[in-house]
Amino acid sequence: MGHDVVRTAVAAEIPEGDVAFFLSCELLIKKPVRDRNTHNIVIHGSAVPEGKGWSPLTWSVLDGKSEITVSLFEAEDAVDSGNVYMRQAFLLEGHELVDEIRKKEADVMEEMAVRFIENYPPSEGEVQSGEESFYSKRTAADSELDPQKPLIKNFDLLRAVDNERYPAFFKHKGHTYILKIYKKEE
């Protein structure tokens, strides 16, 4: 495409340029860092202003959503508050585990980033409107299963947990048991 691309996981290493993309970014990028680029683009797994904050994809699965909207917008000082340049949805069939869900989201994010660059420079985008909601940062405690519920009632939590970083678990008779889930290859 004729563009120079630099990939970094450290905000201090972000070079000057036209566009900086922030994907699955867990930190607010301060204005002095954002000032290095003309556009600072967040691609976020919710239909902002609904679902601002952390782990929107996982929280959406836990909320029982099968249609996930991804938003591409300008980074600002306030969390997930900038003008929206585009949105794109993808569907979940209800059987996908976290790696499959993340792959679907990553594919959409890549398509959106490419489309943004192909149509650069962007219009002003649209100001976010509607009811705002925030997802909290997930912790290990968010992966606790209810052993009193049938397995099928725990399935969305099972399929949304990360087997290594925050595996599903339950407590029974003074002990904690970890459950990991994998899909059998057909």
Protein backbone atom coordinates (compact mmCIF):
# COMPACT_ATOMS: atom_id res chain seq x y z
CA MET A 1 0.00 0.00 0.00
CA GLY A 2 3.06 2.27 0.09
CA HIS A 3 2.93 3.05 3.80
CA ASP A 4 5.56 2.75 6.51
CA VAL A 5 4.26 0.75 9.46
CA VAL A 6 5.80 0.56 12.92
CA ARG A 7 4.42 -1.82 15.52
CA THR A 8 4.99 -1.18 19.21
CA ALA A 9 3.41 -2.16 22.50
CA VAL A 10 4.92 0.81 24.36
CA ALA A 11 3.30 4.25 24.13
CA ALA A 12 6.63 6.03 24.60
CA GLU A 13 7.91 4.38 21.40
CA ILE A 14 5.09 5.65 19.17
CA PRO A 15 6.76 7.61 16.35
CA GLU A 16 5.46 10.69 14.58
CA GLY A 17 3.22 10.05 11.60
CA ASP A 18 -0.20 10.34 10.08
CA VAL A 19 -2.08 7.58 11.92
CA ALA A 20 -1.55 5.60 15.11
CA PHE A 21 -3.88 2.64 15.67
CA PHE A 22 -4.66 1.48 19.20
CA LEU A 23 -5.94 -2.08 19.25
CA SER A 24 -6.85 -3.82 22.51
CA CYS A 25 -5.17 -0.98 24.33
CA GLU A 26 -5.55 -1.14 28.10
CA LEU A 27 -4.16 2.33 28.79
CA LEU A 28 -5.34 5.85 28.09
CA ILE A 29 -2.89 7.42 25.68
CA LYS A 30 -2.05 10.91 26.90
CA LYS A 31 -2.23 13.97 24.65
CA PRO A 32 1.57 14.48 24.32
CA VAL A 33 1.83 10.99 22.79
CA ARG A 34 -1.28 11.52 20.64
CA ASP A 35 0.17 14.81 19.37
CA ARG A 36 2.82 12.80 17.49
CA ASN A 37 0.20 11.70 14.94
CA THR A 38 -2.49 13.49 12.98
CA HIS A 39 -5.02 10.78 13.81
CA ASN A 40 -5.03 8.43 16.79
CA ILE A 41 -7.47 5.65 16.07
CA VAL A 42 -9.04 3.28 18.55
CA ILE A 43 -10.77 0.17 17.23
CA HIS A 44 -13.03 -1.04 20.01
CA GLY A 45 -15.34 -4.06 20.27
CA SER A 46 -18.57 -2.23 21.07
CA ALA A 47 -21.04 0.23 19.58
CA VAL A 48 -19.77 3.25 21.52
CA PRO A 49 -21.08 5.09 23.46
CA GLU A 50 -22.55 1.78 24.64
CA GLY A 51 -19.89 -0.56 26.02
CA LYS A 52 -17.01 1.81 26.62
CA GLY A 53 -14.18 0.58 28.80
CA TRP A 54 -12.43 -2.74 29.13
CA SER A 55 -12.96 -6.18 27.56
CA PRO A 56 -16.09 -5.21 25.62
CA LEU A 57 -15.99 -8.38 23.53
CA THR A 58 -15.97 -10.68 26.55
CA TRP A 59 -18.63 -8.69 28.39
CA SER A 60 -20.83 -8.75 25.26
CA VAL A 61 -20.59 -12.56 25.09
CA LEU A 62 -21.47 -12.75 28.78
CA ASP A 63 -24.44 -10.46 28.09
CA GLY A 64 -25.64 -13.06 25.56
CA LYS A 65 -25.07 -10.91 22.47
CA SER A 66 -24.68 -12.69 19.16
CA GLU A 67 -24.13 -9.55 17.08
CA ILE A 68 -21.01 -7.64 18.04
CA THR A 69 -20.42 -4.14 16.72
CA VAL A 70 -16.88 -2.84 16.40
CA SER A 71 -16.30 0.93 16.35
CA LEU A 72 -13.39 2.87 14.86
CA PHE A 73 -12.98 6.30 16.43
CA GLU A 74 -10.55 9.05 17.34
CA ALA A 75 -8.75 8.71 20.71
CA GLU A 76 -9.42 11.55 23.14
CA ASP A 77 -8.65 12.33 26.79
CA ALA A 78 -11.90 10.76 28.04
CA VAL A 79 -12.21 6.97 27.70
CA ASP A 80 -13.60 5.87 24.32
CA SER A 81 -15.18 9.26 23.64
CA GLY A 82 -13.93 10.44 20.23
CA ASN A 83 -15.77 10.96 16.97
CA VAL A 84 -16.71 7.70 15.25
CA TYR A 85 -15.49 7.14 11.69
CA MET A 86 -17.05 3.74 11.09
CA ARG A 87 -18.79 0.76 12.65
CA GLN A 88 -18.95 -2.83 11.50
CA ALA A 89 -20.76 -5.80 13.02
CA PHE A 90 -20.04 -9.51 13.02
CA LEU A 91 -22.12 -12.45 14.17
CA LEU A 92 -21.43 -15.17 16.69
CA GLU A 93 -23.19 -18.50 16.31
CA GLY A 94 -23.01 -19.32 20.01
CA HIS A 95 -20.52 -22.20 19.87
CA GLU A 96 -17.28 -20.24 19.41
CA LEU A 97 -14.67 -20.26 22.17
CA VAL A 98 -12.63 -17.21 23.09
CA ASP A 99 -9.87 -17.72 20.52
CA GLU A 100 -12.43 -18.10 17.71
CA ILE A 101 -14.32 -15.05 18.98
CA ARG A 102 -11.13 -12.99 19.13
CA LYS A 103 -10.21 -14.11 15.60
CA LYS A 104 -13.55 -12.89 14.24
CA GLU A 105 -13.05 -9.56 15.99
CA ALA A 106 -9.43 -9.26 14.76
CA ASP A 107 -10.54 -9.90 11.17
CA VAL A 108 -13.09 -7.08 11.41
CA MET A 109 -10.54 -4.76 13.04
CA GLU A 110 -8.06 -5.44 10.25
CA GLU A 111 -10.71 -4.77 7.56
CA MET A 112 -11.65 -1.51 9.25
CA ALA A 113 -8.03 -0.34 9.62
CA VAL A 114 -7.32 -1.06 5.95
CA ARG A 115 -10.51 0.71 4.86
CA PHE A 116 -9.59 3.73 7.03
CA ILE A 117 -6.15 3.97 5.38
CA GLU A 118 -7.56 3.42 1.88
CA ASN A 119 -9.98 6.34 2.42
CA TYR A 120 -7.49 8.59 4.21
CA PRO A 121 -7.87 11.39 5.15
CA PRO A 122 -11.17 10.76 6.92
CA SER A 123 -14.24 12.96 7.23
CA GLU A 124 -14.82 14.57 10.63
CA GLY A 125 -16.67 11.50 11.83
CA GLU A 126 -19.82 11.56 13.90
CA VAL A 127 -20.09 12.74 17.48
CA GLN A 128 -21.10 9.88 19.75
CA SER A 129 -24.72 10.08 20.84
CA GLY A 130 -27.07 7.91 22.84
CA GLU A 131 -26.89 6.28 26.22
CA GLU A 132 -23.37 5.70 27.47
CA SER A 133 -22.34 2.58 29.39
CA PHE A 134 -19.00 1.31 30.68
CA TYR A 135 -17.55 -2.15 31.10
CA SER A 136 -15.20 -2.69 34.01
CA LYS A 137 -11.80 -4.30 33.74
CA ARG A 138 -12.10 -8.08 34.06
CA THR A 139 -10.47 -9.78 36.99
CA ALA A 140 -9.93 -13.44 37.87
CA ALA A 141 -13.06 -13.29 40.04
CA ASP A 142 -15.14 -12.66 36.89
CA SER A 143 -14.41 -16.23 35.76
CA GLU A 144 -16.15 -17.91 38.68
CA LEU A 145 -18.76 -20.47 37.63
CA ASP A 146 -21.89 -21.14 39.64
CA PRO A 147 -21.77 -24.91 40.37
CA GLN A 148 -25.48 -24.86 41.22
CA LYS A 149 -26.38 -23.95 37.64
CA PRO A 150 -26.54 -26.50 34.83
CA LEU A 151 -23.50 -26.56 32.54
CA ILE A 152 -25.47 -25.01 29.67
CA LYS A 153 -26.26 -21.96 31.87
CA ASN A 154 -22.50 -21.54 32.48
CA PHE A 155 -21.55 -22.02 28.83
CA ASP A 156 -21.22 -18.35 27.83
CA LEU A 157 -18.81 -17.81 30.71
CA LEU A 158 -16.89 -20.98 29.83
CA ARG A 159 -16.54 -19.97 26.19
CA ALA A 160 -15.47 -16.41 27.03
CA VAL A 161 -12.72 -17.20 29.55
CA ASP A 162 -9.05 -17.33 28.69
CA ASN A 163 -7.81 -20.76 29.78
CA GLU A 164 -4.41 -19.37 30.77
CA ARG A 165 -4.89 -15.76 31.88
CA TYR A 166 -8.24 -16.07 33.65
CA PRO A 167 -9.52 -19.66 33.57
CA ALA A 168 -12.99 -20.66 34.72
CA PHE A 169 -13.19 -21.94 38.26
CA PHE A 170 -15.63 -22.90 40.97
CA LYS A 171 -15.42 -23.41 44.70
CA HIS A 172 -16.58 -26.57 46.44
CA LYS A 173 -16.05 -27.87 49.99
CA GLY A 174 -13.36 -25.32 50.78
CA HIS A 175 -11.36 -25.86 47.58
CA THR A 176 -11.08 -24.04 44.28
CA TYR A 177 -11.25 -26.06 41.06
CA ILE A 178 -10.10 -24.75 37.69
CA LEU A 179 -11.87 -25.77 34.50
CA LYS A 180 -10.40 -25.27 31.05
CA ILE A 181 -12.42 -25.63 27.90
CA TYR A 182 -11.29 -26.74 24.45
CA LYS A 183 -13.28 -27.54 21.34
CA LYS A 184 -12.80 -31.02 19.92
CA GLU A 185 -11.65 -30.81 16.32
CA GLU A 186 -14.22 -32.46 14.07
